[in-house]
Amino acid sequence: MDPQLIELENAIEEAEIAKRAFVKENPNGAGDKNERMRLYTNVEMSRKALREYKKLNPHLL
C-alpha cells in the first residue's frame, strides 16, 4: 500500500480522536469555541486531503 495514503488515513484518525476527546471533556457545546472549530476543521481538512489524493491517484486504489 502507498505510504502517503496510509499517512493521510492516519491523519484523519488522529484528528477524529482529538476531536472526540475534546467533545467528551466539553459536552453540550461547552469549552473554547475556537478550539472546537479548529478540531472540526482539522478533521474536514484531513478528509479533503485524502479525497484529493485519491482523485489524483486512482491507479493506487
PDB file of N, CA and C in Angstrom:
ATOM      1  N   MET A   1       0.835  -1.174   0.000  1.00  0.00           N
ATOM      2  CA  MET A   1       0.000   0.000   0.000  1.00  0.00           C
ATOM      3  C   MET A   1       0.882   1.242   0.000  1.00  0.00           C
ATOM      4  N   ASP A   2       0.354   2.298  -0.547  1.00  0.00           N
ATOM      5  CA  ASP A   2       1.090   3.547  -0.678  1.00  0.00           C
ATOM      6  C   ASP A   2       1.300   4.210   0.688  1.00  0.00           C
ATOM      7  N   PRO A   3       2.545   4.577   1.027  1.00  0.00           N
ATOM      8  CA  PRO A   3       2.803   5.188   2.333  1.00  0.00           C
ATOM      9  C   PRO A   3       2.078   6.521   2.548  1.00  0.00           C
ATOM     10  N   GLN A   4       1.923   7.308   1.504  1.00  0.00           N
ATOM     11  CA  GLN A   4       1.239   8.594   1.663  1.00  0.00           C
ATOM     12  C   GLN A   4      -0.247   8.369   1.934  1.00  0.00           C
ATOM     13  N   LEU A   5      -0.834   7.359   1.320  1.00  0.00           N
ATOM     14  CA  LEU A   5      -2.233   7.031   1.568  1.00  0.00           C
ATOM     15  C   LEU A   5      -2.424   6.617   3.021  1.00  0.00           C
ATOM     16  N   ILE A   6      -1.524   5.811   3.525  1.00  0.00           N
ATOM     17  CA  ILE A   6      -1.584   5.380   4.919  1.00  0.00           C
ATOM     18  C   ILE A   6      -1.428   6.590   5.842  1.00  0.00           C
ATOM     19  N   GLU A   7      -0.520   7.483   5.512  1.00  0.00           N
ATOM     20  CA  GLU A   7      -0.292   8.679   6.319  1.00  0.00           C
ATOM     21  C   GLU A   7      -1.542   9.559   6.361  1.00  0.00           C
ATOM     22  N   LEU A   8      -2.209   9.725   5.224  1.00  0.00           N
ATOM     23  CA  LEU A   8      -3.420  10.537   5.179  1.00  0.00           C
ATOM     24  C   LEU A   8      -4.547   9.900   5.998  1.00  0.00           C
ATOM     25  N   GLU A   9      -4.679   8.580   5.913  1.00  0.00           N
ATOM     26  CA  GLU A   9      -5.703   7.889   6.696  1.00  0.00           C
ATOM     27  C   GLU A   9      -5.410   8.005   8.187  1.00  0.00           C
ATOM     28  N   ASN A  10      -4.144   7.912   8.559  1.00  0.00           N
ATOM     29  CA  ASN A  10      -3.762   8.064   9.964  1.00  0.00           C
ATOM     30  C   ASN A  10      -4.022   9.481  10.462  1.00  0.00           C
ATOM     31  N   ALA A  11      -3.816  10.462   9.600  1.00  0.00           N
ATOM     32  CA  ALA A  11      -4.074  11.858   9.981  1.00  0.00           C
ATOM     33  C   ALA A  11      -5.557  12.059  10.294  1.00  0.00           C
ATOM     34  N   ILE A  12      -6.421  11.416   9.520  1.00  0.00           N
ATOM     35  CA  ILE A  12      -7.858  11.506   9.780  1.00  0.00           C
ATOM     36  C   ILE A  12      -8.179  10.885  11.133  1.00  0.00           C
ATOM     37  N   GLU A  13      -7.645   9.702  11.384  1.00  0.00           N
ATOM     38  CA  GLU A  13      -7.909   9.022  12.651  1.00  0.00           C
ATOM     39  C   GLU A  13      -7.438   9.857  13.843  1.00  0.00           C
ATOM     40  N   GLU A  14      -6.246  10.417  13.745  1.00  0.00           N
ATOM     41  CA  GLU A  14      -5.704  11.230  14.843  1.00  0.00           C
ATOM     42  C   GLU A  14      -6.546  12.484  15.075  1.00  0.00           C
ATOM     43  N   ALA A  15      -6.994  13.112  13.983  1.00  0.00           N
ATOM     44  CA  ALA A  15      -7.824  14.306  14.110  1.00  0.00           C
ATOM     45  C   ALA A  15      -9.164  13.965  14.755  1.00  0.00           C
ATOM     46  N   GLU A  16      -9.737  12.836  14.368  1.00  0.00           N
ATOM     47  CA  GLU A  16     -11.017  12.429  14.953  1.00  0.00           C
ATOM     48  C   GLU A  16     -10.863  12.070  16.428  1.00  0.00           C
ATOM     49  N   ILE A  17      -9.764  11.441  16.794  1.00  0.00           N
ATOM     50  CA  ILE A  17      -9.521  11.103  18.202  1.00  0.00           C
ATOM     51  C   ILE A  17      -9.412  12.375  19.036  1.00  0.00           C
ATOM     52  N   ALA A  18      -8.682  13.369  18.542  1.00  0.00           N
ATOM     53  CA  ALA A  18      -8.534  14.639  19.261  1.00  0.00           C
ATOM     54  C   ALA A  18      -9.880  15.338  19.392  1.00  0.00           C
ATOM     55  N   LYS A  19     -10.673  15.314  18.320  1.00  0.00           N
ATOM     56  CA  LYS A  19     -11.989  15.946  18.349  1.00  0.00           C
ATOM     57  C   LYS A  19     -12.891  15.247  19.361  1.00  0.00           C
ATOM     58  N   ARG A  20     -12.914  13.922  19.334  1.00  0.00           N
ATOM     59  CA  ARG A  20     -13.754  13.166  20.271  1.00  0.00           C
ATOM     60  C   ARG A  20     -13.354  13.427  21.717  1.00  0.00           C
ATOM     61  N   ALA A  21     -12.054  13.502  21.973  1.00  0.00           N
ATOM     62  CA  ALA A  21     -11.585  13.755  23.336  1.00  0.00           C
ATOM     63  C   ALA A  21     -12.057  15.126  23.815  1.00  0.00           C
ATOM     64  N   PHE A  22     -11.974  16.127  22.954  1.00  0.00           N
ATOM     65  CA  PHE A  22     -12.418  17.472  23.318  1.00  0.00           C
ATOM     66  C   PHE A  22     -13.917  17.481  23.582  1.00  0.00           C
ATOM     67  N   VAL A  23     -14.687  16.832  22.719  1.00  0.00           N
ATOM     68  CA  VAL A  23     -16.132  16.809  22.872  1.00  0.00           C
ATOM     69  C   VAL A  23     -16.523  16.058  24.144  1.00  0.00           C
ATOM     70  N   LYS A  24     -15.806  14.998  24.447  1.00  0.00           N
ATOM     71  CA  LYS A  24     -16.096  14.236  25.665  1.00  0.00           C
ATOM     72  C   LYS A  24     -15.828  15.085  26.908  1.00  0.00           C
ATOM     73  N   GLU A  25     -14.768  15.874  26.881  1.00  0.00           N
ATOM     74  CA  GLU A  25     -14.428  16.744  28.011  1.00  0.00           C
ATOM     75  C   GLU A  25     -15.353  17.962  28.098  1.00  0.00           C
ATOM     76  N   ASN A  26     -15.921  18.361  26.969  1.00  0.00           N
ATOM     77  CA  ASN A  26     -16.754  19.569  26.905  1.00  0.00           C
ATOM     78  C   ASN A  26     -18.094  19.259  26.223  1.00  0.00           C
ATOM     79  N   PRO A  27     -18.968  18.517  26.891  1.00  0.00           N
ATOM     80  CA  PRO A  27     -20.246  18.151  26.265  1.00  0.00           C
ATOM     81  C   PRO A  27     -21.175  19.351  26.105  1.00  0.00           C
ATOM     82  N   ASN A  28     -22.148  19.197  25.246  1.00  0.00           N
ATOM     83  CA  ASN A  28     -23.204  20.205  25.030  1.00  0.00           C
ATOM     84  C   ASN A  28     -22.672  21.569  24.621  1.00  0.00           C
ATOM     85  N   GLY A  29     -21.612  21.589  23.849  1.00  0.00           N
ATOM     86  CA  GLY A  29     -21.093  22.851  23.329  1.00  0.00           C
ATOM     87  C   GLY A  29     -20.287  23.675  24.310  1.00  0.00           C
ATOM     88  N   ALA A  30     -19.949  23.107  25.453  1.00  0.00           N
ATOM     89  CA  ALA A  30     -19.138  23.837  26.426  1.00  0.00           C
ATOM     90  C   ALA A  30     -17.694  23.900  25.929  1.00  0.00           C
ATOM     91  N   GLY A  31     -16.892  24.707  26.561  1.00  0.00           N
ATOM     92  CA  GLY A  31     -15.478  24.786  26.199  1.00  0.00           C
ATOM     93  C   GLY A  31     -15.204  25.888  25.194  1.00  0.00           C
ATOM     94  N   ASP A  32     -13.955  25.980  24.805  1.00  0.00           N
ATOM     95  CA  ASP A  32     -13.492  27.016  23.884  1.00  0.00           C
ATOM     96  C   ASP A  32     -14.038  26.760  22.481  1.00  0.00           C
ATOM     97  N   LYS A  33     -14.844  27.679  21.989  1.00  0.00           N
ATOM     98  CA  LYS A  33     -15.451  27.504  20.667  1.00  0.00           C
ATOM     99  C   LYS A  33     -14.406  27.536  19.552  1.00  0.00           C
ATOM    100  N   ASN A  34     -13.367  28.350  19.720  1.00  0.00           N
ATOM    101  CA  ASN A  34     -12.316  28.401  18.701  1.00  0.00           C
ATOM    102  C   ASN A  34     -11.582  27.065  18.611  1.00  0.00           C
ATOM    103  N   GLU A  35     -11.318  26.447  19.754  1.00  0.00           N
ATOM    104  CA  GLU A  35     -10.648  25.145  19.759  1.00  0.00           C
ATOM    105  C   GLU A  35     -11.545  24.091  19.129  1.00  0.00           C
ATOM    106  N   ARG A  36     -12.828  24.135  19.447  1.00  0.00           N
ATOM    107  CA  ARG A  36     -13.777  23.183  18.862  1.00  0.00           C
ATOM    108  C   ARG A  36     -13.786  23.327  17.339  1.00  0.00           C
ATOM    109  N   MET A  37     -13.862  24.554  16.859  1.00  0.00           N
ATOM    110  CA  MET A  37     -13.883  24.785  15.402  1.00  0.00           C
ATOM    111  C   MET A  37     -12.573  24.349  14.765  1.00  0.00           C
ATOM    112  N   ARG A  38     -11.451  24.582  15.444  1.00  0.00           N
ATOM    113  CA  ARG A  38     -10.157  24.165  14.909  1.00  0.00           C
ATOM    114  C   ARG A  38     -10.111  22.641  14.760  1.00  0.00           C
ATOM    115  N   LEU A  39     -10.614  21.922  15.755  1.00  0.00           N
ATOM    116  CA  LEU A  39     -10.596  20.463  15.708  1.00  0.00           C
ATOM    117  C   LEU A  39     -11.510  19.928  14.606  1.00  0.00           C
ATOM    118  N   TYR A  40     -12.709  20.498  14.495  1.00  0.00           N
ATOM    119  CA  TYR A  40     -13.627  20.065  13.444  1.00  0.00           C
ATOM    120  C   TYR A  40     -13.053  20.386  12.062  1.00  0.00           C
ATOM    121  N   THR A  41     -12.443  21.556  11.924  1.00  0.00           N
ATOM    122  CA  THR A  41     -11.834  21.938  10.653  1.00  0.00           C
ATOM    123  C   THR A  41     -10.671  21.017  10.315  1.00  0.00           C
ATOM    124  N   ASN A  42      -9.907  20.644  11.322  1.00  0.00           N
ATOM    125  CA  ASN A  42      -8.778  19.742  11.108  1.00  0.00           C
ATOM    126  C   ASN A  42      -9.260  18.394  10.551  1.00  0.00           C
ATOM    127  N   VAL A  43     -10.350  17.883  11.098  1.00  0.00           N
ATOM    128  CA  VAL A  43     -10.914  16.618  10.603  1.00  0.00           C
ATOM    129  C   VAL A  43     -11.340  16.778   9.147  1.00  0.00           C
ATOM    130  N   GLU A  44     -12.057  17.852   8.854  1.00  0.00           N
ATOM    131  CA  GLU A  44     -12.543  18.068   7.493  1.00  0.00           C
ATOM    132  C   GLU A  44     -11.399  18.272   6.496  1.00  0.00           C
ATOM    133  N   MET A  45     -10.360  18.987   6.905  1.00  0.00           N
ATOM    134  CA  MET A  45      -9.217  19.205   6.014  1.00  0.00           C
ATOM    135  C   MET A  45      -8.471  17.892   5.765  1.00  0.00           C
ATOM    136  N   SER A  46      -8.386  17.046   6.771  1.00  0.00           N
ATOM    137  CA  SER A  46      -7.738  15.745   6.607  1.00  0.00           C
ATOM    138  C   SER A  46      -8.530  14.883   5.634  1.00  0.00           C
ATOM    139  N   ARG A  47      -9.846  14.893   5.774  1.00  0.00           N
ATOM    140  CA  ARG A  47     -10.695  14.128   4.848  1.00  0.00           C
ATOM    141  C   ARG A  47     -10.577  14.667   3.429  1.00  0.00           C
ATOM    142  N   LYS A  48     -10.532  15.986   3.295  1.00  0.00           N
ATOM    143  CA  LYS A  48     -10.411  16.608   1.980  1.00  0.00           C
ATOM    144  C   LYS A  48      -9.084  16.229   1.330  1.00  0.00           C
ATOM    145  N   ALA A  49      -8.017  16.225   2.115  1.00  0.00           N
ATOM    146  CA  ALA A  49      -6.703  15.862   1.582  1.00  0.00           C
ATOM    147  C   ALA A  49      -6.707  14.424   1.065  1.00  0.00           C
ATOM    148  N   LEU A  50      -7.374  13.530   1.783  1.00  0.00           N
ATOM    149  CA  LEU A  50      -7.458  12.136   1.341  1.00  0.00           C
ATOM    150  C   LEU A  50      -8.277  12.029   0.059  1.00  0.00           C
ATOM    151  N   ARG A  51      -9.400  12.735  -0.021  1.00  0.00           N
ATOM    152  CA  ARG A  51     -10.215  12.711  -1.246  1.00  0.00           C
ATOM    153  C   ARG A  51      -9.421  13.216  -2.434  1.00  0.00           C
ATOM    154  N   GLU A  52      -8.694  14.319  -2.244  1.00  0.00           N
ATOM    155  CA  GLU A  52      -7.886  14.883  -3.334  1.00  0.00           C
ATOM    156  C   GLU A  52      -6.800  13.904  -3.768  1.00  0.00           C
ATOM    157  N   TYR A  53      -6.152  13.273  -2.812  1.00  0.00           N
ATOM    158  CA  TYR A  53      -5.098  12.316  -3.129  1.00  0.00           C
ATOM    159  C   TYR A  53      -5.656  11.147  -3.926  1.00  0.00           C
ATOM    160  N   LYS A  54      -6.813  10.650  -3.517  1.00  0.00           N
ATOM    161  CA  LYS A  54      -7.441   9.533  -4.234  1.00  0.00           C
ATOM    162  C   LYS A  54      -7.854   9.950  -5.638  1.00  0.00           C
ATOM    163  N   LYS A  55      -8.327  11.189  -5.774  1.00  0.00           N
ATOM    164  CA  LYS A  55      -8.737  11.678  -7.088  1.00  0.00           C
ATOM    165  C   LYS A  55      -7.535  11.798  -8.017  1.00  0.00           C
ATOM    166  N   LEU A  56      -6.401  12.238  -7.480  1.00  0.00           N
ATOM    167  CA  LEU A  56      -5.210  12.429  -8.298  1.00  0.00           C
ATOM    168  C   LEU A  56      -4.450  11.119  -8.559  1.00  0.00           C
ATOM    169  N   ASN A  57      -4.716  10.099  -7.745  1.00  0.00           N
ATOM    170  CA  ASN A  57      -4.005   8.825  -7.876  1.00  0.00           C
ATOM    171  C   ASN A  57      -4.963   7.639  -7.898  1.00  0.00           C
ATOM    172  N   PRO A  58      -5.865   7.588  -8.889  1.00  0.00           N
ATOM    173  CA  PRO A  58      -6.838   6.494  -8.911  1.00  0.00           C
ATOM    174  C   PRO A  58      -6.193   5.138  -9.165  1.00  0.00           C
ATOM    175  N   HIS A  59      -5.024   5.122  -9.747  1.00  0.00           N
ATOM    176  CA  HIS A  59      -4.334   3.866 -10.030  1.00  0.00           C
ATOM    177  C   HIS A  59      -3.870   3.147  -8.772  1.00  0.00           C
ATOM    178  N   LEU A  60      -3.799   3.854  -7.654  1.00  0.00           N
ATOM    179  CA  LEU A  60      -3.334   3.246  -6.402  1.00  0.00           C
ATOM    180  C   LEU A  60      -4.450   2.521  -5.649  1.00  0.00           C
ATOM    181  N   LEU A  61      -5.672   2.744  -6.043  1.00  0.00           N
ATOM    182  CA  LEU A  61      -6.791   2.170  -5.311  1.00  0.00           C
ATOM    183  C   LEU A  61      -7.235   0.849  -5.877  1.00  0.00           C
TER     184      LEU A  61
END
